C-alpha atoms as a PDB file:
ATOM      1  CA  MET A   1     130.636  71.353 163.278  1.00  0.00           C
ATOM      2  CA  TRP A   2     134.162  72.613 162.749  1.00  0.00           C
ATOM      3  CA  ARG A   3     135.635  69.434 164.303  1.00  0.00           C
ATOM      4  CA  ARG A   4     133.413  67.228 162.145  1.00  0.00           C
ATOM      5  CA  GLU A   5     134.648  68.985 158.999  1.00  0.00           C
ATOM      6  CA  GLN A   6     138.268  68.475 160.086  1.00  0.00           C
ATOM      7  CA  LEU A   7     137.576  64.793 160.566  1.00  0.00           C
ATOM      8  CA  LEU A   8     136.029  64.568 157.109  1.00  0.00           C
ATOM      9  CA  ASP A   9     139.024  66.409 155.625  1.00  0.00           C
ATOM     10  CA  ALA A  10     141.366  63.860 157.241  1.00  0.00           C
ATOM     11  CA  ALA A  11     139.175  60.954 156.117  1.00  0.00           C
ATOM     12  CA  LEU A  12     139.200  62.249 152.546  1.00  0.00           C
ATOM     13  CA  ARG A  13     142.988  62.474 152.499  1.00  0.00           C
ATOM     14  CA  VAL A  14     143.456  59.020 154.000  1.00  0.00           C
ATOM     15  CA  PHE A  15     140.838  57.287 151.844  1.00  0.00           C
ATOM     16  CA  ALA A  16     142.201  58.932 148.691  1.00  0.00           C
ATOM     17  CA  ASP A  17     145.735  57.870 149.609  1.00  0.00           C
ATOM     18  CA  LYS A  18     145.136  54.331 150.884  1.00  0.00           C
ATOM     19  CA  GLY A  19     141.794  53.463 149.339  1.00  0.00           C
ATOM     20  CA  VAL A  20     138.732  52.849 151.448  1.00  0.00           C
ATOM     21  CA  ASP A  21     139.473  49.178 151.977  1.00  0.00           C
ATOM     22  CA  GLY A  22     143.140  49.837 152.787  1.00  0.00           C
ATOM     23  CA  ALA A  23     142.445  52.571 155.336  1.00  0.00           C
ATOM     24  CA  THR A  24     141.421  52.078 158.945  1.00  0.00           C
ATOM     25  CA  VAL A  25     139.644  54.258 161.472  1.00  0.00           C
ATOM     26  CA  LYS A  26     142.974  54.424 163.273  1.00  0.00           C
ATOM     27  CA  ASP A  27     144.602  55.841 160.103  1.00  0.00           C
ATOM     28  CA  VAL A  28     141.946  58.542 159.881  1.00  0.00           C
ATOM     29  CA  ALA A  29     142.260  59.367 163.587  1.00  0.00           C
ATOM     30  CA  GLN A  30     146.013  59.620 163.267  1.00  0.00           C
ATOM     31  CA  ALA A  31     145.739  61.934 160.250  1.00  0.00           C
ATOM     32  CA  ALA A  32     143.248  64.104 162.149  1.00  0.00           C
ATOM     33  CA  GLU A  33     145.443  63.997 165.263  1.00  0.00           C
ATOM     34  CA  VAL A  34     142.599  62.695 167.420  1.00  0.00           C
ATOM     35  CA  THR A  35     141.772  59.424 169.118  1.00  0.00           C
ATOM     36  CA  PRO A  36     139.691  56.809 167.311  1.00  0.00           C
ATOM     37  CA  GLY A  37     137.100  57.239 170.074  1.00  0.00           C
ATOM     38  CA  LEU A  38     136.524  60.829 169.006  1.00  0.00           C
ATOM     39  CA  LEU A  39     135.846  59.691 165.450  1.00  0.00           C
ATOM     40  CA  TYR A  40     133.183  57.342 166.743  1.00  0.00           C
ATOM     41  CA  ARG A  41     131.441  60.261 168.455  1.00  0.00           C
ATOM     42  CA  TYR A  42     130.788  61.687 165.000  1.00  0.00           C
ATOM     43  CA  PHE A  43     130.588  58.581 162.797  1.00  0.00           C
ATOM     44  CA  ASP A  44     129.384  55.051 163.578  1.00  0.00           C
ATOM     45  CA  SER A  45     131.928  53.404 161.271  1.00  0.00           C
ATOM     46  CA  LYS A  46     134.443  53.892 158.488  1.00  0.00           C
ATOM     47  CA  GLU A  47     131.634  53.233 156.026  1.00  0.00           C
ATOM     48  CA  ALA A  48     129.597  56.029 157.617  1.00  0.00           C
ATOM     49  CA  MET A  49     132.523  58.403 157.036  1.00  0.00           C
ATOM     50  CA  VAL A  50     132.693  57.371 153.385  1.00  0.00           C
ATOM     51  CA  GLU A  51     128.955  57.747 152.890  1.00  0.00           C
ATOM     52  CA  THR A  52     128.995  61.169 154.575  1.00  0.00           C
ATOM     53  CA  LEU A  53     131.900  62.361 152.437  1.00  0.00           C
ATOM     54  CA  LEU A  54     130.216  61.325 149.228  1.00  0.00           C
ATOM     55  CA  ALA A  55     126.754  62.548 150.193  1.00  0.00           C
ATOM     56  CA  GLU A  56     127.898  65.953 151.456  1.00  0.00           C
ATOM     57  CA  ARG A  57     130.914  66.691 149.308  1.00  0.00           C
ATOM     58  CA  GLY A  58     130.232  64.577 146.265  1.00  0.00           C
ATOM     59  CA  PHE A  59     128.769  65.399 142.914  1.00  0.00           C
ATOM     60  CA  LEU A  60     125.093  64.881 143.785  1.00  0.00           C
ATOM     61  CA  PRO A  61     124.381  68.200 145.545  1.00  0.00           C
ATOM     62  CA  ARG A  62     125.855  70.121 142.591  1.00  0.00           C
ATOM     63  CA  LEU A  63     124.262  67.833 140.013  1.00  0.00           C
ATOM     64  CA  ARG A  64     120.865  68.363 141.681  1.00  0.00           C
ATOM     65  CA  GLU A  65     121.419  72.108 141.507  1.00  0.00           C
ATOM     66  CA  LEU A  66     122.443  71.938 137.854  1.00  0.00           C
ATOM     67  CA  ARG A  67     119.463  69.730 137.089  1.00  0.00           C
ATOM     68  CA  SER A  68     117.061  72.210 138.669  1.00  0.00           C
ATOM     69  CA  GLN A  69     118.607  74.991 136.609  1.00  0.00           C
ATOM     70  CA  ALA A  70     118.137  72.950 133.430  1.00  0.00           C
ATOM     71  CA  ARG A  71     114.445  73.813 133.234  1.00  0.00           C
ATOM     72  CA  ASP A  72     115.033  76.672 130.842  1.00  0.00           C
ATOM     73  CA  SER A  73     113.941  77.095 127.254  1.00  0.00           C
ATOM     74  CA  ARG A  74     117.322  76.555 125.611  1.00  0.00           C
ATOM     75  CA  PRO A  75     117.656  73.492 123.350  1.00  0.00           C
ATOM     76  CA  ALA A  76     118.020  70.202 125.208  1.00  0.00           C
ATOM     77  CA  VAL A  77     121.313  69.366 123.503  1.00  0.00           C
ATOM     78  CA  VAL A  78     122.814  72.680 124.656  1.00  0.00           C
ATOM     79  CA  VAL A  79     121.609  72.255 128.239  1.00  0.00           C
ATOM     80  CA  LEU A  80     122.690  68.599 128.357  1.00  0.00           C
ATOM     81  CA  THR A  81     126.144  69.484 127.036  1.00  0.00           C
ATOM     82  CA  GLU A  82     126.509  72.206 129.671  1.00  0.00           C
ATOM     83  CA  LEU A  83     125.266  69.878 132.407  1.00  0.00           C
ATOM     84  CA  LEU A  84     127.761  67.151 131.460  1.00  0.00           C
ATOM     85  CA  ALA A  85     130.615  69.631 131.043  1.00  0.00           C
ATOM     86  CA  GLU A  86     129.947  70.969 134.535  1.00  0.00           C
ATOM     87  CA  PHE A  87     129.774  67.401 135.872  1.00  0.00           C
ATOM     88  CA  ASP A  88     133.158  66.729 134.255  1.00  0.00           C
ATOM     89  CA  ARG A  89     134.642  69.914 135.802  1.00  0.00           C
ATOM     90  CA  LEU A  90     133.207  68.973 139.173  1.00  0.00           C
ATOM     91  CA  LEU A  91     134.881  65.577 138.994  1.00  0.00           C
ATOM     92  CA  ALA A  92     138.169  67.154 137.878  1.00  0.00           C
ATOM     93  CA  ASP A  93     138.094  69.645 140.743  1.00  0.00           C
ATOM     94  CA  ASN A  94     137.473  66.881 143.289  1.00  0.00           C
ATOM     95  CA  ALA A  95     140.019  64.243 142.303  1.00  0.00           C
ATOM     96  CA  GLU A  96     140.481  62.980 145.881  1.00  0.00           C
ATOM     97  CA  LEU A  97     136.761  62.520 146.344  1.00  0.00           C
ATOM     98  CA  MET A  98     136.497  60.754 143.022  1.00  0.00           C
ATOM     99  CA  ALA A  99     139.302  58.384 144.052  1.00  0.00           C
ATOM    100  CA  VAL A 100     137.352  57.610 147.221  1.00  0.00           C
ATOM    101  CA  PHE A 101     134.176  56.967 145.248  1.00  0.00           C
ATOM    102  CA  PHE A 102     135.869  54.582 142.843  1.00  0.00           C
ATOM    103  CA  SER A 103     137.760  52.768 145.595  1.00  0.00           C
ATOM    104  CA  ALA A 104     134.580  52.355 147.622  1.00  0.00           C
ATOM    105  CA  ALA A 105     132.045  51.783 144.872  1.00  0.00           C
ATOM    106  CA  GLN A 106     132.894  48.153 144.229  1.00  0.00           C
ATOM    107  CA  ALA A 107     130.971  46.532 147.066  1.00  0.00           C
ATOM    108  CA  ARG A 108     128.960  49.174 148.859  1.00  0.00           C
ATOM    109  CA  ALA A 109     125.278  49.423 148.017  1.00  0.00           C
ATOM    110  CA  PRO A 110     124.827  52.992 149.375  1.00  0.00           C
ATOM    111  CA  LEU A 111     127.492  54.219 146.963  1.00  0.00           C
ATOM    112  CA  ALA A 112     125.781  52.491 144.088  1.00  0.00           C
ATOM    113  CA  THR A 113     122.641  54.334 145.174  1.00  0.00           C
ATOM    114  CA  LEU A 114     124.473  57.676 144.875  1.00  0.00           C
ATOM    115  CA  ALA A 115     125.566  56.855 141.330  1.00  0.00           C
ATOM    116  CA  ALA A 116     122.055  55.698 140.481  1.00  0.00           C
ATOM    117  CA  GLU A 117     120.650  59.034 141.620  1.00  0.00           C
ATOM    118  CA  GLY A 118     123.110  60.867 139.375  1.00  0.00           C
ATOM    119  CA  ARG A 119     121.996  58.769 136.426  1.00  0.00           C
ATOM    120  CA  ARG A 120     118.353  59.321 137.387  1.00  0.00           C
ATOM    121  CA  LEU A 121     118.816  63.101 137.407  1.00  0.00           C
ATOM    122  CA  ILE A 122     120.168  62.998 133.862  1.00  0.00           C
ATOM    123  CA  GLY A 123     117.497  60.496 132.817  1.00  0.00           C
ATOM    124  CA  ASP A 124     114.702  62.684 134.202  1.00  0.00           C
ATOM    125  CA  PHE A 125     115.974  65.589 132.120  1.00  0.00           C
ATOM    126  CA  LEU A 126     115.914  63.400 129.013  1.00  0.00           C
ATOM    127  CA  ILE A 127     112.392  62.135 129.805  1.00  0.00           C
ATOM    128  CA  GLU A 128     111.114  65.709 130.176  1.00  0.00           C
ATOM    129  CA  ARG A 129     112.633  66.764 126.866  1.00  0.00           C
ATOM    130  CA  VAL A 130     111.260  63.692 125.055  1.00  0.00           C
ATOM    131  CA  ALA A 131     107.802  64.448 126.494  1.00  0.00           C
ATOM    132  CA  ALA A 132     108.124  68.035 125.281  1.00  0.00           C
ATOM    133  CA  GLY A 133     108.882  66.731 121.791  1.00  0.00           C
ATOM    134  CA  GLU A 134     112.335  68.220 121.763  1.00  0.00           C
ATOM    135  CA  LEU A 135     114.234  64.912 121.716  1.00  0.00           C
ATOM    136  CA  ARG A 136     113.256  61.825 119.771  1.00  0.00           C
ATOM    137  CA  PRO A 137     111.858  58.950 121.844  1.00  0.00           C
ATOM    138  CA  HIS A 138     114.640  56.682 123.069  1.00  0.00           C
ATOM    139  CA  ASP A 139     115.714  54.531 125.998  1.00  0.00           C
ATOM    140  CA  THR A 140     116.394  57.389 128.409  1.00  0.00           C
ATOM    141  CA  ALA A 141     117.760  55.115 131.145  1.00  0.00           C
ATOM    142  CA  THR A 142     120.424  53.686 128.840  1.00  0.00           C
ATOM    143  CA  ALA A 143     121.271  57.119 127.447  1.00  0.00           C
ATOM    144  CA  ALA A 144     121.626  58.551 130.962  1.00  0.00           C
ATOM    145  CA  ARG A 145     123.778  55.607 132.071  1.00  0.00           C
ATOM    146  CA  THR A 146     125.978  56.012 128.988  1.00  0.00           C
ATOM    147  CA  LEU A 147     126.430  59.754 129.464  1.00  0.00           C
ATOM    148  CA  PHE A 148     127.085  59.499 133.204  1.00  0.00           C
ATOM    149  CA  ALA A 149     129.533  56.608 132.855  1.00  0.00           C
ATOM    150  CA  ALA A 150     131.383  58.081 129.889  1.00  0.00           C
ATOM    151  CA  VAL A 151     132.085  61.320 131.744  1.00  0.00           C
ATOM    152  CA  ALA A 152     132.973  59.644 135.053  1.00  0.00           C
ATOM    153  CA  VAL A 153     135.177  56.903 133.633  1.00  0.00           C
ATOM    154  CA  ASN A 154     137.042  59.207 131.268  1.00  0.00           C
ATOM    155  CA  ARG A 155     137.662  61.654 134.105  1.00  0.00           C
ATOM    156  CA  ARG A 156     138.874  58.816 136.330  1.00  0.00           C
ATOM    157  CA  LEU A 157     141.241  57.650 133.593  1.00  0.00           C
ATOM    158  CA  GLY A 158     142.452  61.202 133.024  1.00  0.00           C
ATOM    159  CA  THR A 159     141.274  61.087 129.432  1.00  0.00           C
ATOM    160  CA  PRO A 160     139.712  64.316 128.180  1.00  0.00           C
ATOM    161  CA  ILE A 161     136.212  63.895 126.827  1.00  0.00           C
ATOM    162  CA  ASP A 162     134.430  66.187 124.444  1.00  0.00           C
ATOM    163  CA  VAL A 163     130.971  66.228 125.981  1.00  0.00           C
ATOM    164  CA  ALA A 164     129.491  68.036 122.983  1.00  0.00           C
ATOM    165  CA  ALA A 165     130.697  65.210 120.728  1.00  0.00           C
ATOM    166  CA  LEU A 166     129.355  62.641 123.206  1.00  0.00           C
ATOM    167  CA  VAL A 167     125.929  64.280 123.242  1.00  0.00           C
ATOM    168  CA  GLY A 168     126.089  64.530 119.438  1.00  0.00           C
ATOM    169  CA  LEU A 169     126.631  60.778 119.207  1.00  0.00           C
ATOM    170  CA  LEU A 170     123.455  60.081 121.126  1.00  0.00           C
ATOM    171  CA  PHE A 171     121.332  62.856 119.650  1.00  0.00           C
ATOM    172  CA  PRO A 172     122.728  63.589 116.163  1.00  0.00           C
ATOM    173  CA  GLU A 173     119.618  65.057 114.556  1.00  0.00           C
ATOM    174  CA  GLU A 174     118.919  67.287 117.553  1.00  0.00           C
ATOM    175  CA  GLY A 175     122.481  68.684 117.563  1.00  0.00           C
END
């Protein structure tokens, strides 16, 4: 597994530097100081490397963990603000991975699926809190998409976002 992790480290650097579409398997092999054939022993294609990077090192594992921790009795607005703030920190701490995601997200359905799961995790939280009577009924899918996109896009642009203010815009009477 150590070799596989080295290959993923090299792929991350190359994809972040050149963009997914601008990078080749040969570029990744060269950065990892291995032959392209060795890369193919671990990954079927460049796209498989990208998908593996995002699935294993991306925001979803941590967002799933945060989502499972959000089943406490604190007010929904507080938990949602903490969840989004942690998501924002996670994106900030993984700038290379975020660059890969945005460079690859344009035309790759599996990457769109990863983003959709992130939005679904936030949406499920909102649905639970509406059902519990803690949040007013609303279009939870649109709210989740708005929250997810606002944090991700602002982080990508390097623009600080006040997640408490963002949550307050969507849920003013609850905040």
